[in-house]
């Protein structure tokens, strides 16, 4: 068969072949972009969850440490805890709580945003200041009150930044002033 005898040549089929190739490339690119976008979204969700878990775990370990320090402080006559803890027994618990916090700190350094890590550092340093009173190294009641207030503000700062990192709108409720119900019973009479 010669040209013009009903057969089609490569030139006649070129537009159709070009359409198939362009369609295949377009399909590949669209699928690639979709998969890449999905992978990034899944990765971001995974890291957001890891960051949430890390922030919550760190905060809980620090709150445990604060609870022990305040209970020891109550045994030493300071306010803000209703369940005094014998200093001798409490100091061992405080050391264990600090060790746990230090372990959690390493994960904070790995996955936390820089500003949030700085706020977490400020918070745990303010807890150390409260611990000086719990350990009997400081004994001034007004200084205790200032240290507890500074610790509360540092906590609030941490939560504001943690919530921002996690995309949670609005600030957390502030710690505010410690309620008077936390005073020792003999001081309210």
N, C-alpha and C. Protein backbone atom coordinates (compact mmCIF):
# COMPACT_ATOMS: atom_id res chain seq x y z
N UNK A 1 0.83 -1.16 0.00
CA UNK A 1 0.00 0.00 0.00
C UNK A 1 0.88 1.24 0.00
N UNK A 2 0.56 2.14 -0.81
CA UNK A 2 1.29 3.38 -0.91
C UNK A 2 0.53 4.49 -0.24
N UNK A 3 1.14 5.64 -0.25
CA UNK A 3 0.46 6.78 0.36
C UNK A 3 -0.81 7.07 -0.39
N UNK A 4 -1.79 7.42 0.34
CA UNK A 4 -3.07 7.73 -0.26
C UNK A 4 -3.90 6.52 -0.54
N UNK A 5 -3.47 5.34 -0.17
CA UNK A 5 -4.24 4.13 -0.44
C UNK A 5 -4.97 3.64 0.80
N UNK A 6 -5.28 4.51 1.72
CA UNK A 6 -6.06 4.12 2.90
C UNK A 6 -5.21 3.82 4.10
N UNK A 7 -3.90 3.73 4.00
CA UNK A 7 -3.03 3.47 5.16
C UNK A 7 -2.68 4.78 5.85
N UNK A 8 -2.39 4.70 7.10
CA UNK A 8 -2.00 5.92 7.80
C UNK A 8 -0.52 5.86 8.10
N UNK A 9 0.11 6.96 8.00
CA UNK A 9 1.54 7.04 8.26
C UNK A 9 1.77 7.53 9.68
N UNK A 10 3.00 7.47 10.07
CA UNK A 10 3.38 7.96 11.41
C UNK A 10 2.99 9.43 11.55
N UNK A 11 3.13 10.17 10.46
CA UNK A 11 2.78 11.60 10.50
C UNK A 11 1.29 11.80 10.72
N UNK A 12 0.52 10.93 10.22
CA UNK A 12 -0.92 11.03 10.42
C UNK A 12 -1.30 10.72 11.87
N UNK A 13 -0.52 9.83 12.50
CA UNK A 13 -0.83 9.42 13.87
C UNK A 13 -0.12 10.29 14.92
N UNK A 14 0.78 11.14 14.49
CA UNK A 14 1.57 11.96 15.41
C UNK A 14 0.71 12.81 16.34
N UNK A 15 -0.33 13.49 15.89
CA UNK A 15 -1.14 14.26 16.83
C UNK A 15 -1.76 13.39 17.92
N UNK A 16 -2.22 12.21 17.58
CA UNK A 16 -2.82 11.31 18.58
C UNK A 16 -1.76 10.83 19.56
N UNK A 17 -0.57 10.45 19.03
CA UNK A 17 0.52 10.01 19.90
C UNK A 17 0.98 11.12 20.83
N UNK A 18 1.06 12.32 20.28
CA UNK A 18 1.45 13.48 21.09
C UNK A 18 0.43 13.70 22.21
N UNK A 19 -0.84 13.57 21.88
CA UNK A 19 -1.89 13.71 22.90
C UNK A 19 -1.77 12.67 23.99
N UNK A 20 -1.45 11.44 23.62
CA UNK A 20 -1.29 10.37 24.61
C UNK A 20 -0.09 10.66 25.51
N UNK A 21 1.04 11.08 24.92
CA UNK A 21 2.25 11.38 25.70
C UNK A 21 2.01 12.57 26.63
N UNK A 22 1.42 13.64 26.11
CA UNK A 22 1.13 14.81 26.94
C UNK A 22 0.16 14.44 28.07
N UNK A 23 -0.83 13.65 27.76
CA UNK A 23 -1.78 13.19 28.78
C UNK A 23 -1.11 12.36 29.86
N UNK A 24 -0.21 11.46 29.43
CA UNK A 24 0.51 10.62 30.41
C UNK A 24 1.40 11.48 31.30
N UNK A 25 2.12 12.42 30.70
CA UNK A 25 2.99 13.31 31.49
C UNK A 25 2.14 14.15 32.45
N UNK A 26 1.05 14.69 31.95
CA UNK A 26 0.16 15.49 32.80
C UNK A 26 -0.40 14.67 33.95
N UNK A 27 -0.79 13.45 33.66
CA UNK A 27 -1.33 12.56 34.69
C UNK A 27 -0.26 12.24 35.73
N UNK A 28 0.96 11.97 35.26
CA UNK A 28 2.08 11.68 36.17
C UNK A 28 2.36 12.88 37.07
N UNK A 29 2.43 14.08 36.47
CA UNK A 29 2.71 15.28 37.26
C UNK A 29 1.60 15.55 38.27
N UNK A 30 0.36 15.42 37.87
CA UNK A 30 -0.76 15.65 38.79
C UNK A 30 -0.72 14.66 39.93
N UNK A 31 -0.47 13.39 39.63
CA UNK A 31 -0.40 12.36 40.67
C UNK A 31 0.78 12.63 41.60
N UNK A 32 1.92 13.00 41.02
CA UNK A 32 3.10 13.30 41.83
C UNK A 32 2.84 14.46 42.78
N UNK A 33 2.28 15.53 42.27
CA UNK A 33 1.99 16.69 43.10
C UNK A 33 0.99 16.36 44.19
N UNK A 34 -0.02 15.58 43.86
CA UNK A 34 -1.02 15.20 44.84
C UNK A 34 -0.40 14.34 45.94
N UNK A 35 0.42 13.37 45.55
CA UNK A 35 1.07 12.49 46.52
C UNK A 35 2.06 13.27 47.40
N UNK A 36 2.81 14.15 46.80
CA UNK A 36 3.77 14.96 47.55
C UNK A 36 3.03 15.84 48.56
N UNK A 37 1.95 16.44 48.12
CA UNK A 37 1.14 17.28 49.01
C UNK A 37 0.56 16.45 50.16
N UNK A 38 0.06 15.27 49.85
CA UNK A 38 -0.50 14.40 50.88
C UNK A 38 0.59 13.97 51.86
N UNK A 39 1.77 13.64 51.35
CA UNK A 39 2.88 13.22 52.21
C UNK A 39 3.27 14.35 53.16
N UNK A 40 3.36 15.58 52.63
CA UNK A 40 3.70 16.73 53.48
C UNK A 40 2.63 16.97 54.54
N UNK A 41 1.37 16.83 54.16
CA UNK A 41 0.27 17.03 55.11
C UNK A 41 0.33 15.98 56.22
N UNK A 42 0.56 14.73 55.85
CA UNK A 42 0.65 13.64 56.84
C UNK A 42 1.85 13.87 57.75
N UNK A 43 2.97 14.27 57.17
CA UNK A 43 4.17 14.54 57.97
C UNK A 43 3.91 15.68 58.93
N UNK A 44 3.28 16.75 58.49
CA UNK A 44 2.98 17.89 59.36
C UNK A 44 2.04 17.47 60.48
N UNK A 45 1.04 16.66 60.16
CA UNK A 45 0.12 16.17 61.20
C UNK A 45 0.86 15.32 62.22
N UNK A 46 1.75 14.48 61.74
CA UNK A 46 2.52 13.61 62.64
C UNK A 46 3.39 14.46 63.57
N UNK A 47 4.06 15.48 63.01
CA UNK A 47 4.90 16.33 63.85
C UNK A 47 4.06 17.18 64.79
N UNK A 48 2.91 17.65 64.35
CA UNK A 48 2.02 18.39 65.25
C UNK A 48 1.61 17.51 66.43
N UNK A 49 1.28 16.25 66.16
CA UNK A 49 0.91 15.33 67.24
C UNK A 49 2.09 15.08 68.17
N UNK A 50 3.28 14.91 67.60
CA UNK A 50 4.48 14.69 68.42
C UNK A 50 4.75 15.91 69.28
N UNK A 51 4.61 17.09 68.69
CA UNK A 51 4.85 18.32 69.44
C UNK A 51 3.81 18.46 70.55
N UNK A 52 2.55 18.17 70.27
CA UNK A 52 1.50 18.21 71.29
C UNK A 52 1.85 17.25 72.43
N UNK A 53 2.20 16.02 72.09
CA UNK A 53 2.55 15.03 73.11
C UNK A 53 3.74 15.49 73.95
N UNK A 54 4.73 16.06 73.29
CA UNK A 54 5.94 16.53 73.99
C UNK A 54 5.62 17.69 74.92
N UNK A 55 4.88 18.67 74.42
CA UNK A 55 4.53 19.82 75.26
C UNK A 55 3.70 19.39 76.46
N UNK A 56 2.72 18.53 76.22
CA UNK A 56 1.86 18.07 77.33
C UNK A 56 2.66 17.25 78.33
N UNK A 57 3.50 16.36 77.86
CA UNK A 57 4.29 15.52 78.76
C UNK A 57 5.26 16.37 79.58
N UNK A 58 5.90 17.34 78.93
CA UNK A 58 6.82 18.22 79.65
C UNK A 58 6.07 19.03 80.71
N UNK A 59 4.95 19.59 80.33
CA UNK A 59 4.16 20.38 81.27
C UNK A 59 3.70 19.53 82.45
N UNK A 60 3.26 18.30 82.18
CA UNK A 60 2.82 17.43 83.27
C UNK A 60 3.97 17.07 84.20
N UNK A 61 5.16 16.82 83.65
CA UNK A 61 6.29 16.50 84.52
C UNK A 61 6.66 17.70 85.38
N UNK A 62 6.60 18.90 84.80
CA UNK A 62 6.91 20.10 85.56
C UNK A 62 5.84 20.39 86.61
N UNK A 63 4.58 20.15 86.26
CA UNK A 63 3.50 20.34 87.24
C UNK A 63 3.66 19.38 88.42
N UNK A 64 4.11 18.16 88.17
CA UNK A 64 4.36 17.20 89.24
C UNK A 64 5.47 17.73 90.16
N UNK A 65 6.50 18.26 89.56
CA UNK A 65 7.61 18.83 90.31
C UNK A 65 7.13 20.03 91.15
N UNK A 66 6.30 20.87 90.56
CA UNK A 66 5.74 22.03 91.27
C UNK A 66 4.91 21.57 92.46
N UNK A 67 4.08 20.56 92.24
CA UNK A 67 3.22 20.06 93.31
C UNK A 67 4.05 19.60 94.50
N UNK A 68 5.10 18.88 94.25
CA UNK A 68 5.95 18.39 95.34
C UNK A 68 6.61 19.57 96.04
N UNK A 69 7.16 20.51 95.27
CA UNK A 69 7.83 21.67 95.87
C UNK A 69 6.86 22.49 96.72
N UNK A 70 5.64 22.67 96.23
CA UNK A 70 4.66 23.45 97.00
C UNK A 70 4.23 22.71 98.26
N UNK A 71 4.10 21.42 98.18
CA UNK A 71 3.73 20.65 99.37
C UNK A 71 4.84 20.70 100.41
N UNK A 72 6.10 20.63 99.98
CA UNK A 72 7.21 20.78 100.92
C UNK A 72 7.19 22.20 101.49
N UNK A 73 6.94 23.17 100.61
CA UNK A 73 6.83 24.56 101.07
C UNK A 73 5.74 24.73 102.11
N UNK A 74 4.61 24.04 101.93
CA UNK A 74 3.53 24.11 102.91
C UNK A 74 4.00 23.56 104.26
N UNK A 75 4.78 22.49 104.23
CA UNK A 75 5.31 21.94 105.48
C UNK A 75 6.27 22.92 106.13
N UNK A 76 6.89 23.79 105.36
CA UNK A 76 7.80 24.81 105.90
C UNK A 76 7.06 26.10 106.25
N UNK A 77 5.74 26.10 106.08
CA UNK A 77 4.93 27.25 106.49
C UNK A 77 4.53 28.20 105.38
N UNK A 78 4.83 27.88 104.14
CA UNK A 78 4.44 28.74 103.03
C UNK A 78 3.05 28.37 102.53
N UNK A 79 2.42 29.31 101.86
CA UNK A 79 1.08 29.09 101.33
C UNK A 79 1.11 28.37 99.99
N UNK A 80 -0.08 28.07 99.47
CA UNK A 80 -0.33 27.53 98.13
C UNK A 80 -0.39 26.02 98.04
N UNK A 81 -0.47 25.35 99.15
CA UNK A 81 -0.68 23.91 99.11
C UNK A 81 -1.43 23.52 100.37
N UNK A 82 -2.35 22.60 100.24
CA UNK A 82 -3.15 22.21 101.40
C UNK A 82 -2.72 20.86 101.96
N UNK A 83 -1.80 20.21 101.29
CA UNK A 83 -1.38 18.88 101.70
C UNK A 83 0.13 18.90 101.95
N UNK A 84 0.55 19.35 103.14
CA UNK A 84 1.99 19.45 103.42
C UNK A 84 2.68 18.09 103.28
N UNK A 85 3.92 18.15 102.83
CA UNK A 85 4.73 16.96 102.65
C UNK A 85 6.01 17.14 103.45
N UNK A 86 6.30 16.17 104.30
CA UNK A 86 7.51 16.21 105.12
C UNK A 86 8.72 16.47 104.22
N UNK A 87 9.53 17.49 104.53
CA UNK A 87 10.67 17.82 103.66
C UNK A 87 11.62 16.65 103.42
N UNK A 88 11.89 15.86 104.43
CA UNK A 88 12.82 14.75 104.24
C UNK A 88 12.30 13.76 103.19
N UNK A 89 11.04 13.42 103.30
CA UNK A 89 10.42 12.52 102.32
C UNK A 89 10.26 13.23 100.97
N UNK A 90 9.86 14.49 101.01
CA UNK A 90 9.59 15.24 99.79
C UNK A 90 10.82 15.53 98.95
N UNK A 91 11.95 15.76 99.60
CA UNK A 91 13.16 16.08 98.82
C UNK A 91 13.58 14.92 97.93
N UNK A 92 13.38 13.70 98.38
CA UNK A 92 13.69 12.54 97.53
C UNK A 92 12.73 12.51 96.34
N UNK A 93 11.45 12.78 96.59
CA UNK A 93 10.47 12.83 95.50
C UNK A 93 10.79 13.96 94.53
N UNK A 94 11.22 15.08 95.09
CA UNK A 94 11.57 16.24 94.26
C UNK A 94 12.74 15.91 93.34
N UNK A 95 13.72 15.19 93.85
CA UNK A 95 14.87 14.79 93.02
C UNK A 95 14.41 13.87 91.89
N UNK A 96 13.51 12.94 92.18
CA UNK A 96 12.98 12.04 91.14
C UNK A 96 12.19 12.83 90.09
N UNK A 97 11.40 13.79 90.56
CA UNK A 97 10.60 14.61 89.63
C UNK A 97 11.51 15.45 88.75
N UNK A 98 12.59 15.97 89.31
CA UNK A 98 13.54 16.76 88.52
C UNK A 98 14.22 15.88 87.47
N UNK A 99 14.55 14.66 87.84
CA UNK A 99 15.18 13.74 86.88
C UNK A 99 14.22 13.45 85.72
N UNK A 100 12.95 13.25 86.03
CA UNK A 100 11.95 13.01 84.97
C UNK A 100 11.82 14.24 84.08
N UNK A 101 11.77 15.43 84.69
CA UNK A 101 11.66 16.67 83.92
C UNK A 101 12.86 16.83 83.00
N UNK A 102 14.04 16.52 83.51
CA UNK A 102 15.26 16.65 82.70
C UNK A 102 15.22 15.71 81.50
N UNK A 103 14.67 14.53 81.69
CA UNK A 103 14.53 13.58 80.58
C UNK A 103 13.56 14.13 79.54
N UNK A 104 12.44 14.65 80.00
CA UNK A 104 11.44 15.24 79.09
C UNK A 104 12.02 16.45 78.35
N UNK A 105 12.93 17.15 79.00
CA UNK A 105 13.53 18.35 78.42
C UNK A 105 14.26 18.03 77.11
N UNK A 106 14.90 16.89 77.06
CA UNK A 106 15.63 16.53 75.85
C UNK A 106 14.70 16.43 74.64
N UNK A 107 13.51 15.88 74.85
CA UNK A 107 12.54 15.80 73.75
C UNK A 107 12.04 17.19 73.38
N UNK A 108 11.85 18.05 74.39
CA UNK A 108 11.45 19.45 74.12
C UNK A 108 12.46 20.11 73.19
N UNK A 109 13.75 19.89 73.48
CA UNK A 109 14.79 20.50 72.66
C UNK A 109 14.76 19.98 71.23
N UNK A 110 14.35 18.74 71.04
CA UNK A 110 14.32 18.15 69.70
C UNK A 110 13.14 18.61 68.86
N UNK A 111 11.95 18.69 69.44
CA UNK A 111 10.76 18.95 68.62
C UNK A 111 10.09 20.29 68.89
N UNK A 112 10.50 21.00 69.93
CA UNK A 112 9.86 22.26 70.26
C UNK A 112 10.32 23.40 69.38
N UNK A 113 9.43 24.34 69.17
CA UNK A 113 9.79 25.57 68.47
C UNK A 113 10.68 26.40 69.39
N UNK A 114 11.60 27.17 68.83
CA UNK A 114 12.61 27.90 69.61
C UNK A 114 12.00 28.79 70.69
N UNK A 115 10.98 29.57 70.35
CA UNK A 115 10.38 30.46 71.35
C UNK A 115 9.70 29.68 72.47
N UNK A 116 9.09 28.57 72.13
CA UNK A 116 8.40 27.76 73.13
C UNK A 116 9.42 27.07 74.03
N UNK A 117 10.52 26.62 73.47
CA UNK A 117 11.59 26.03 74.27
C UNK A 117 12.14 27.07 75.24
N UNK A 118 12.32 28.30 74.78
CA UNK A 118 12.82 29.38 75.66
C UNK A 118 11.81 29.63 76.79
N UNK A 119 10.53 29.62 76.47
CA UNK A 119 9.51 29.82 77.52
C UNK A 119 9.50 28.64 78.49
N UNK A 120 9.68 27.43 77.99
CA UNK A 120 9.74 26.26 78.86
C UNK A 120 10.94 26.36 79.79
N UNK A 121 12.06 26.82 79.26
CA UNK A 121 13.27 27.00 80.09
C UNK A 121 13.00 28.03 81.19
N UNK A 122 12.36 29.13 80.83
CA UNK A 122 12.05 30.16 81.84
C UNK A 122 11.12 29.58 82.91
N UNK A 123 10.16 28.74 82.47
CA UNK A 123 9.24 28.13 83.43
C UNK A 123 9.99 27.21 84.39
N UNK A 124 10.83 26.32 83.86
CA UNK A 124 11.49 25.40 84.80
C UNK A 124 12.52 26.12 85.66
N UNK A 125 13.12 27.20 85.16
CA UNK A 125 14.02 27.98 86.02
C UNK A 125 13.25 28.66 87.15
N UNK A 126 12.02 29.09 86.87
CA UNK A 126 11.21 29.69 87.93
C UNK A 126 10.79 28.63 88.95
N UNK A 127 10.60 27.40 88.49
CA UNK A 127 10.29 26.30 89.42
C UNK A 127 11.50 26.05 90.32
N UNK A 128 12.70 26.10 89.76
CA UNK A 128 13.90 25.92 90.57
C UNK A 128 13.97 26.98 91.67
N UNK A 129 13.52 28.19 91.36
CA UNK A 129 13.52 29.24 92.38
C UNK A 129 12.56 28.89 93.51
N UNK A 130 11.40 28.35 93.19
CA UNK A 130 10.45 27.90 94.23
C UNK A 130 11.07 26.75 95.03
N UNK A 131 11.80 25.90 94.35
CA UNK A 131 12.45 24.78 95.03
C UNK A 131 13.47 25.24 96.07
N UNK A 132 14.09 26.39 95.86
CA UNK A 132 15.03 26.90 96.86
C UNK A 132 14.33 27.07 98.21
N UNK A 133 13.08 27.49 98.17
CA UNK A 133 12.29 27.63 99.40
C UNK A 133 11.91 26.25 99.94
N UNK A 134 11.52 25.36 99.06
CA UNK A 134 11.15 24.01 99.49
C UNK A 134 12.34 23.30 100.12
N UNK A 135 13.53 23.56 99.61
CA UNK A 135 14.73 22.92 100.13
C UNK A 135 15.26 23.59 101.40
N UNK A 136 14.62 24.69 101.80
CA UNK A 136 15.05 25.38 103.01
C UNK A 136 16.22 26.32 102.79
N UNK A 137 16.57 26.61 101.54
CA UNK A 137 17.68 27.50 101.26
C UNK A 137 17.26 28.97 101.28
N UNK A 138 15.98 29.21 101.17
CA UNK A 138 15.39 30.55 101.32
C UNK A 138 14.18 30.40 102.23
N UNK A 139 13.89 31.44 103.00
CA UNK A 139 12.77 31.29 103.94
C UNK A 139 11.90 32.54 104.07
N UNK A 140 12.00 33.45 103.15
CA UNK A 140 11.25 34.70 103.23
C UNK A 140 9.89 34.54 102.56
N UNK A 141 8.78 34.67 103.35
CA UNK A 141 7.43 34.46 102.81
C UNK A 141 7.10 35.37 101.62
N UNK A 142 7.54 36.63 101.66
CA UNK A 142 7.25 37.53 100.54
C UNK A 142 8.00 37.06 99.28
N UNK A 143 9.20 36.57 99.46
CA UNK A 143 9.97 36.03 98.34
C UNK A 143 9.31 34.79 97.76
N UNK A 144 8.75 33.95 98.64
CA UNK A 144 7.99 32.77 98.20
C UNK A 144 6.83 33.20 97.32
N UNK A 145 6.08 34.20 97.78
CA UNK A 145 4.93 34.69 97.01
C UNK A 145 5.37 35.20 95.63
N UNK A 146 6.45 35.95 95.60
CA UNK A 146 6.96 36.46 94.31
C UNK A 146 7.40 35.29 93.42
N UNK A 147 8.08 34.32 94.00
CA UNK A 147 8.55 33.17 93.22
C UNK A 147 7.38 32.39 92.64
N UNK A 148 6.34 32.18 93.43
CA UNK A 148 5.16 31.46 92.95
C UNK A 148 4.46 32.27 91.86
N UNK A 149 4.37 33.57 92.03
CA UNK A 149 3.76 34.41 91.00
C UNK A 149 4.56 34.39 89.71
N UNK A 150 5.88 34.46 89.82
CA UNK A 150 6.74 34.40 88.63
C UNK A 150 6.57 33.05 87.93
N UNK A 151 6.47 31.99 88.71
CA UNK A 151 6.29 30.66 88.15
C UNK A 151 4.96 30.57 87.38
N UNK A 152 3.91 31.16 87.92
CA UNK A 152 2.60 31.15 87.25
C UNK A 152 2.65 31.92 85.94
N UNK A 153 3.31 33.06 85.96
CA UNK A 153 3.43 33.86 84.73
C UNK A 153 4.25 33.11 83.67
N UNK A 154 5.31 32.45 84.11
CA UNK A 154 6.14 31.68 83.18
C UNK A 154 5.33 30.53 82.58
N UNK A 155 4.50 29.90 83.39
CA UNK A 155 3.62 28.83 82.91
C UNK A 155 2.68 29.38 81.83
N UNK A 156 2.05 30.51 82.13
CA UNK A 156 1.13 31.12 81.17
C UNK A 156 1.83 31.43 79.85
N UNK A 157 3.05 31.97 79.93
CA UNK A 157 3.81 32.30 78.72
C UNK A 157 4.09 31.04 77.90
N UNK A 158 4.45 29.97 78.58
CA UNK A 158 4.70 28.70 77.89
C UNK A 158 3.45 28.24 77.15
N UNK A 159 2.31 28.26 77.83
CA UNK A 159 1.08 27.76 77.19
C UNK A 159 0.63 28.63 76.03
N UNK A 160 0.84 29.93 76.12
CA UNK A 160 0.49 30.81 74.99
C UNK A 160 1.29 30.40 73.76
N UNK A 161 2.59 30.21 73.93
CA UNK A 161 3.44 29.86 72.79
C UNK A 161 3.19 28.43 72.31
N UNK A 162 2.97 27.52 73.22
CA UNK A 162 2.68 26.13 72.82
C UNK A 162 1.40 26.08 72.00
N UNK A 163 0.37 26.79 72.45
CA UNK A 163 -0.89 26.80 71.71
C UNK A 163 -0.70 27.42 70.32
N UNK A 164 0.10 28.47 70.24
CA UNK A 164 0.37 29.08 68.94
C UNK A 164 1.06 28.08 68.02
N UNK A 165 2.07 27.37 68.54
CA UNK A 165 2.78 26.36 67.74
C UNK A 165 1.84 25.29 67.22
N UNK A 166 0.85 24.94 68.01
CA UNK A 166 -0.07 23.87 67.65
C UNK A 166 -1.27 24.36 66.84
N UNK A 167 -1.32 25.66 66.57
CA UNK A 167 -2.41 26.22 65.77
C UNK A 167 -3.72 26.32 66.53
N UNK A 168 -3.64 26.40 67.85
CA UNK A 168 -4.85 26.52 68.68
C UNK A 168 -5.14 27.99 68.88
N UNK A 169 -6.31 28.42 68.47
CA UNK A 169 -6.66 29.84 68.54
C UNK A 169 -6.95 30.27 69.98
N UNK A 170 -6.56 31.48 70.28
CA UNK A 170 -6.87 32.08 71.57
C UNK A 170 -5.91 31.64 72.66
N UNK A 171 -5.81 32.50 73.67
CA UNK A 171 -4.90 32.18 74.78
C UNK A 171 -5.55 31.20 75.75
N UNK A 172 -4.73 30.52 76.53
CA UNK A 172 -5.28 29.65 77.57
C UNK A 172 -5.79 30.53 78.71
N UNK A 173 -6.62 29.99 79.58
CA UNK A 173 -7.02 30.78 80.74
C UNK A 173 -5.79 31.06 81.59
N UNK A 174 -5.64 32.28 82.08
CA UNK A 174 -4.45 32.61 82.88
C UNK A 174 -4.50 31.92 84.24
N UNK A 175 -3.32 31.73 84.79
CA UNK A 175 -3.23 31.13 86.12
C UNK A 175 -3.87 32.05 87.15
N UNK A 176 -3.63 33.34 86.99
CA UNK A 176 -4.20 34.32 87.91
C UNK A 176 -3.61 34.19 89.30
N UNK A 177 -4.27 34.84 90.23
CA UNK A 177 -3.82 34.78 91.62
C UNK A 177 -4.25 33.46 92.22
N UNK A 178 -3.45 32.98 93.12
CA UNK A 178 -3.79 31.74 93.80
C UNK A 178 -5.00 31.99 94.68
N UNK A 179 -5.98 31.13 94.61
CA UNK A 179 -7.17 31.33 95.43
C UNK A 179 -6.84 31.23 96.91
N UNK A 180 -7.58 31.97 97.69
CA UNK A 180 -7.37 31.98 99.13
C UNK A 180 -7.69 30.63 99.77
N UNK A 181 -8.44 29.77 99.10
CA UNK A 181 -8.75 28.46 99.67
C UNK A 181 -7.50 27.62 99.83
N UNK A 182 -6.42 28.03 99.18
CA UNK A 182 -5.18 27.27 99.29
C UNK A 182 -4.42 27.63 100.56
N UNK A 183 -4.86 28.65 101.26
CA UNK A 183 -4.18 29.00 102.49
C UNK A 183 -4.32 27.89 103.51
N UNK A 184 -3.36 27.85 104.37
CA UNK A 184 -3.45 26.87 105.45
C UNK A 184 -4.67 27.20 106.31
N UNK A 185 -5.33 26.20 106.79
CA UNK A 185 -6.57 26.36 107.54
C UNK A 185 -6.38 27.26 108.76
N UNK A 186 -5.27 27.16 109.48
CA UNK A 186 -5.08 27.95 110.69
C UNK A 186 -4.88 29.43 110.40
N UNK A 187 -4.56 29.80 109.17
CA UNK A 187 -4.40 31.21 108.83
C UNK A 187 -5.71 31.87 108.47
N UNK A 188 -6.74 31.10 108.17
CA UNK A 188 -8.02 31.68 107.76
C UNK A 188 -8.92 31.95 108.97
N UNK A 189 -8.57 31.45 110.11
CA UNK A 189 -9.40 31.64 111.32
C UNK A 189 -8.91 32.80 112.14
